[in-house]
Amino acid sequence: MHKLLNIFLVIILLSACSKNDSINEVKLSSLVKADFSYTQDLFDCTLNENESLIGLESFFSKNIEEYKNIAELENLNISIFFPENNTNITTFIISIISNNNPLGLKKFIDAVKSDAINEVASCSFAIFQHKGINLKEEPINNKSFINAEILRCKYNDTYNFGTFQISINRFINNLRTIELPYSISYLEDNSKNDSFIWINYFYTEDYEDILLKNWANKEDSAEIQNEFSTNATCIDSKKYKSYKLI
């Protein structure tokens, strides 16, 4: 009887320890934070009725020196994202990378508003200042545009950047075996850390063929995708052509 009681107590103790270990792992992982190095805002815009990309290009061309001066003074990196494979483009994103500089960002926004961008497009200029980190960087060449994929994701319950980091590192190390020039940016909302934006930048036109041929069907690929799905759920994924404005 005493022997059975001892075994029962050991099982209870081991179970309690296992639960404590699991709780401790969650607590420890939540302490791991990304080493954010910049801020980035993504402003959604819609072309006005009867307006086209020609009108948008004319607007920025007309005032480009003014915007360059602001960008250089405030250390802003400004790009425009247009939806890929869309012959009738009506929406676009203005992406502005800054060094935690909402006042400098506001100066640029005030300038485009003053120059009447609203006559060409309607933009949601709400400043959120997403915290950003480059998970993988590639020297940017002088191409006129970059292929970009923006994924908006949310962490699953009990998961966070700390639990996700192992999968991220494994993913990046795995793709290093492929001759594919690309970069990855990771953005988190300043007001909450349960969601994030993941941006892939590819510098070759045939990047999808390269991924499909050399990585997508590998065993490691399936395992890494499962790890990603365990950590987070991506709400949507959209492809763009990114053009550097300034």
Protein backbone atom coordinates (compact mmCIF):
# COMPACT_ATOMS: atom_id res chain seq x y z
CA MET A 1 0.00 0.00 0.00
CA HIS A 2 2.83 2.37 0.96
CA LYS A 3 4.58 1.50 -2.30
CA LEU A 4 1.49 2.36 -4.36
CA LEU A 5 1.05 5.58 -2.37
CA ASN A 6 4.70 6.54 -3.02
CA ILE A 7 4.31 5.90 -6.76
CA PHE A 8 1.12 7.97 -6.79
CA LEU A 9 2.87 10.85 -5.00
CA VAL A 10 5.79 10.70 -7.45
CA ILE A 11 3.37 10.88 -10.41
CA ILE A 12 1.63 13.90 -8.87
CA LEU A 13 5.02 15.56 -8.22
CA LEU A 14 6.25 14.89 -11.75
CA SER A 15 2.99 16.21 -13.19
CA ALA A 16 3.25 19.35 -11.07
CA CYS A 17 6.89 19.84 -12.11
CA SER A 18 5.96 19.38 -15.76
CA LYS A 19 3.23 22.01 -15.47
CA ASN A 20 5.58 24.36 -13.67
CA ASP A 21 8.23 23.82 -16.35
CA SER A 22 5.68 24.60 -19.05
CA ILE A 23 4.55 27.74 -17.23
CA ASN A 24 8.16 28.78 -16.68
CA GLU A 25 8.96 28.23 -20.38
CA VAL A 26 6.08 30.50 -21.36
CA LYS A 27 7.19 33.13 -18.85
CA LEU A 28 10.81 32.93 -20.00
CA SER A 29 9.90 33.08 -23.69
CA SER A 30 7.81 36.20 -23.10
CA LEU A 31 10.95 37.92 -21.78
CA VAL A 32 12.74 37.42 -25.11
CA LYS A 33 12.24 40.56 -27.18
CA ALA A 34 13.29 41.43 -30.70
CA ASP A 35 16.19 43.87 -30.92
CA PHE A 36 14.18 46.54 -32.73
CA SER A 37 16.30 49.04 -34.64
CA TYR A 38 13.84 51.29 -36.48
CA THR A 39 10.17 52.21 -36.84
CA GLN A 40 7.99 51.78 -39.90
CA ASP A 41 4.55 53.00 -40.92
CA LEU A 42 2.39 51.56 -43.70
CA PHE A 43 -0.26 53.97 -44.95
CA ASP A 44 -3.09 52.47 -47.03
CA CYS A 45 -4.18 54.64 -49.96
CA THR A 46 -6.87 54.47 -52.64
CA LEU A 47 -6.76 56.39 -55.92
CA ASN A 48 -9.65 58.76 -56.40
CA GLU A 49 -12.23 57.97 -59.06
CA ASN A 50 -10.99 58.93 -62.54
CA GLU A 51 -7.41 59.15 -61.24
CA SER A 52 -4.57 56.87 -62.37
CA LEU A 53 -0.97 56.02 -61.58
CA ILE A 54 0.06 58.69 -64.07
CA GLY A 55 -1.58 61.32 -61.87
CA LEU A 56 0.10 59.87 -58.77
CA GLU A 57 3.52 59.86 -60.46
CA SER A 58 2.96 63.46 -61.60
CA PHE A 59 2.08 64.51 -58.04
CA PHE A 60 5.26 63.10 -56.50
CA SER A 61 7.48 64.20 -59.39
CA LYS A 62 6.25 67.78 -59.09
CA ASN A 63 7.14 67.99 -55.40
CA ILE A 64 10.03 65.50 -55.16
CA GLU A 65 12.72 68.01 -54.18
CA GLU A 66 10.62 69.22 -51.25
CA TYR A 67 10.09 65.64 -50.08
CA LYS A 68 13.76 64.76 -50.52
CA ASN A 69 14.76 67.65 -48.29
CA ILE A 70 12.37 66.51 -45.57
CA ALA A 71 13.49 62.87 -45.88
CA GLU A 72 17.18 63.75 -45.65
CA LEU A 73 16.64 66.12 -42.73
CA GLU A 74 14.44 63.69 -40.79
CA ASN A 75 16.20 60.48 -41.89
CA LEU A 76 13.17 58.96 -43.60
CA ASN A 77 13.18 56.10 -46.11
CA ILE A 78 10.06 56.30 -48.28
CA SER A 79 8.75 53.64 -50.69
CA ILE A 80 5.49 52.93 -52.46
CA PHE A 81 4.00 49.41 -52.68
CA PHE A 82 1.75 48.62 -55.64
CA PRO A 83 -0.26 45.35 -55.78
CA GLU A 84 1.42 42.75 -57.98
CA ASN A 85 -0.27 41.36 -61.12
CA ASN A 86 -3.00 43.95 -61.06
CA THR A 87 -3.57 45.72 -64.36
CA ASN A 88 -6.15 48.10 -62.88
CA ILE A 89 -4.40 49.39 -59.76
CA THR A 90 -6.62 51.43 -57.46
CA THR A 91 -4.83 50.93 -54.14
CA PHE A 92 -1.26 51.31 -52.91
CA ILE A 93 0.75 51.62 -49.69
CA ILE A 94 3.13 54.39 -48.71
CA SER A 95 5.85 52.83 -46.54
CA ILE A 96 7.98 55.14 -44.39
CA ILE A 97 10.89 53.85 -42.32
CA SER A 98 12.11 56.22 -39.63
CA ASN A 99 14.30 56.18 -36.57
CA ASN A 100 11.51 56.49 -34.00
CA ASN A 101 10.76 59.93 -35.39
CA PRO A 102 6.99 60.60 -35.41
CA LEU A 103 7.51 64.37 -35.64
CA GLY A 104 9.66 64.02 -38.76
CA LEU A 105 7.10 61.62 -40.20
CA LYS A 106 4.32 64.12 -39.48
CA LYS A 107 6.33 66.81 -41.28
CA PHE A 108 6.31 64.71 -44.47
CA ILE A 109 2.59 63.91 -44.09
CA ASP A 110 1.77 67.60 -43.57
CA ALA A 111 3.75 68.41 -46.73
CA VAL A 112 1.88 65.94 -48.96
CA LYS A 113 -1.41 67.08 -47.49
CA SER A 114 -0.48 70.71 -48.12
CA ASP A 115 0.37 69.80 -51.72
CA ALA A 116 -3.16 68.34 -52.03
CA ILE A 117 -2.50 64.63 -52.33
CA ASN A 118 -6.20 64.26 -51.49
CA GLU A 119 -6.94 65.42 -55.05
CA VAL A 120 -5.21 62.29 -56.32
CA ALA A 121 -5.75 59.71 -53.60
CA SER A 122 -7.32 59.12 -50.22
CA CYS A 123 -4.77 57.95 -47.63
CA SER A 124 -5.14 56.84 -44.03
CA PHE A 125 -2.30 58.78 -42.41
CA ALA A 126 -2.66 57.34 -38.90
CA ILE A 127 0.83 57.16 -37.35
CA PHE A 128 1.39 53.87 -35.52
CA GLN A 129 5.21 53.64 -35.57
CA HIS A 130 5.53 49.87 -35.79
CA LYS A 131 8.75 48.68 -34.15
CA GLY A 132 10.94 47.03 -36.79
CA ILE A 133 13.89 44.69 -37.07
CA ASN A 134 15.62 43.25 -40.14
CA LEU A 135 15.74 39.50 -39.53
CA LYS A 136 17.82 39.04 -42.65
CA GLU A 137 19.44 41.75 -44.75
CA GLU A 138 20.62 41.61 -48.34
CA PRO A 139 22.56 44.37 -50.06
CA ILE A 140 19.99 46.21 -52.15
CA ASN A 141 20.89 46.54 -55.82
CA ASN A 142 19.88 49.35 -58.16
CA LYS A 143 16.79 47.65 -59.55
CA SER A 144 13.85 49.95 -60.19
CA PHE A 145 11.59 47.84 -57.97
CA ILE A 146 11.66 45.03 -55.40
CA ASN A 147 9.23 42.12 -55.12
CA ALA A 148 7.62 42.25 -51.69
CA GLU A 149 5.20 40.05 -49.78
CA ILE A 150 3.40 41.43 -46.72
CA LEU A 151 1.91 38.98 -44.22
CA ARG A 152 -0.23 40.19 -41.32
CA CYS A 153 -0.15 37.62 -38.53
CA LYS A 154 -1.29 37.04 -34.97
CA TYR A 155 0.40 34.87 -32.35
CA ASN A 156 -1.54 31.85 -31.14
CA ASP A 157 -2.35 31.57 -27.43
CA THR A 158 0.77 31.32 -25.17
CA TYR A 159 3.09 31.98 -28.14
CA ASN A 160 5.23 35.06 -28.72
CA PHE A 161 8.44 36.25 -30.35
CA GLY A 162 10.49 34.23 -27.85
CA THR A 163 8.86 30.93 -28.85
CA PHE A 164 8.92 31.95 -32.53
CA GLN A 165 12.61 32.85 -32.61
CA ILE A 166 13.85 29.25 -32.94
CA SER A 167 11.64 28.69 -35.99
CA ILE A 168 12.73 32.01 -37.49
CA ASN A 169 16.41 31.15 -37.13
CA ARG A 170 15.87 27.68 -38.54
CA PHE A 171 13.96 29.12 -41.50
CA ILE A 172 16.67 31.66 -42.32
CA ASN A 173 19.52 29.15 -41.93
CA ASN A 174 17.67 26.70 -44.16
CA LEU A 175 17.16 29.24 -46.93
CA ARG A 176 20.83 30.23 -46.83
CA THR A 177 21.54 27.00 -48.73
CA ILE A 178 19.62 28.43 -51.71
CA GLU A 179 21.06 31.03 -54.05
CA LEU A 180 18.23 33.46 -53.50
CA PRO A 181 18.85 37.12 -52.63
CA TYR A 182 16.16 38.25 -50.20
CA SER A 183 15.55 40.21 -46.99
CA ILE A 184 13.06 39.85 -44.15
CA SER A 185 11.55 42.57 -41.96
CA TYR A 186 9.55 41.93 -38.78
CA LEU A 187 7.24 44.62 -37.41
CA GLU A 188 5.31 44.78 -34.15
CA ASP A 189 2.60 47.21 -33.15
CA ASN A 190 3.74 49.58 -30.41
CA SER A 191 0.48 49.18 -28.50
CA LYS A 192 0.38 45.36 -28.44
CA ASN A 193 2.72 42.43 -29.02
CA ASP A 194 0.28 39.64 -29.93
CA SER A 195 0.38 40.48 -33.64
CA PHE A 196 3.07 41.26 -36.19
CA ILE A 197 3.76 42.08 -39.82
CA TRP A 198 6.25 39.94 -41.73
CA ILE A 199 7.65 41.38 -44.97
CA ASN A 200 9.66 39.34 -47.48
CA TYR A 201 11.74 41.24 -50.04
CA PHE A 202 12.94 39.30 -53.10
CA TYR A 203 15.44 40.75 -55.55
CA THR A 204 14.93 38.41 -58.50
CA GLU A 205 11.91 38.01 -60.76
CA ASP A 206 12.01 34.20 -60.66
CA TYR A 207 12.05 33.92 -56.86
CA GLU A 208 8.86 31.83 -56.79
CA ASP A 209 10.34 29.27 -59.19
CA ILE A 210 13.53 29.10 -57.12
CA LEU A 211 11.59 28.53 -53.89
CA LEU A 212 9.34 25.92 -55.47
CA LYS A 213 12.22 24.03 -57.03
CA ASN A 214 14.80 24.19 -54.23
CA TRP A 215 12.91 24.54 -50.97
CA ALA A 216 9.12 24.20 -50.92
CA ASN A 217 9.02 20.42 -51.38
CA LYS A 218 11.79 19.56 -48.94
CA GLU A 219 11.10 17.79 -45.64
CA ASP A 220 12.62 20.68 -43.66
CA SER A 221 10.26 23.06 -45.42
CA ALA A 222 7.17 21.18 -44.22
CA GLU A 223 8.51 21.01 -40.66
CA ILE A 224 9.31 24.71 -40.57
CA GLN A 225 5.88 25.60 -41.98
CA ASN A 226 4.28 23.48 -39.25
CA GLU A 227 6.37 25.29 -36.62
CA PHE A 228 5.23 28.62 -38.03
CA SER A 229 1.59 27.52 -37.92
CA THR A 230 2.00 26.38 -34.32
CA ASN A 231 3.32 29.77 -33.29
CA ALA A 232 1.13 32.10 -35.32
CA THR A 233 -1.79 32.41 -37.70
CA CYS A 234 -1.43 34.71 -40.68
CA ILE A 235 -4.59 36.62 -41.52
CA ASP A 236 -3.60 37.54 -45.06
CA SER A 237 -0.68 37.59 -47.47
CA LYS A 238 -0.37 40.07 -50.34
CA LYS A 239 2.29 40.56 -53.00
CA TYR A 240 3.56 43.94 -54.15
CA LYS A 241 6.09 45.72 -56.30
CA SER A 242 8.00 48.11 -54.05
CA TYR A 243 9.40 51.28 -55.63
CA LYS A 244 11.77 53.49 -53.69
CA LEU A 245 10.53 57.08 -53.73
CA ILE A 246 13.24 58.64 -51.58
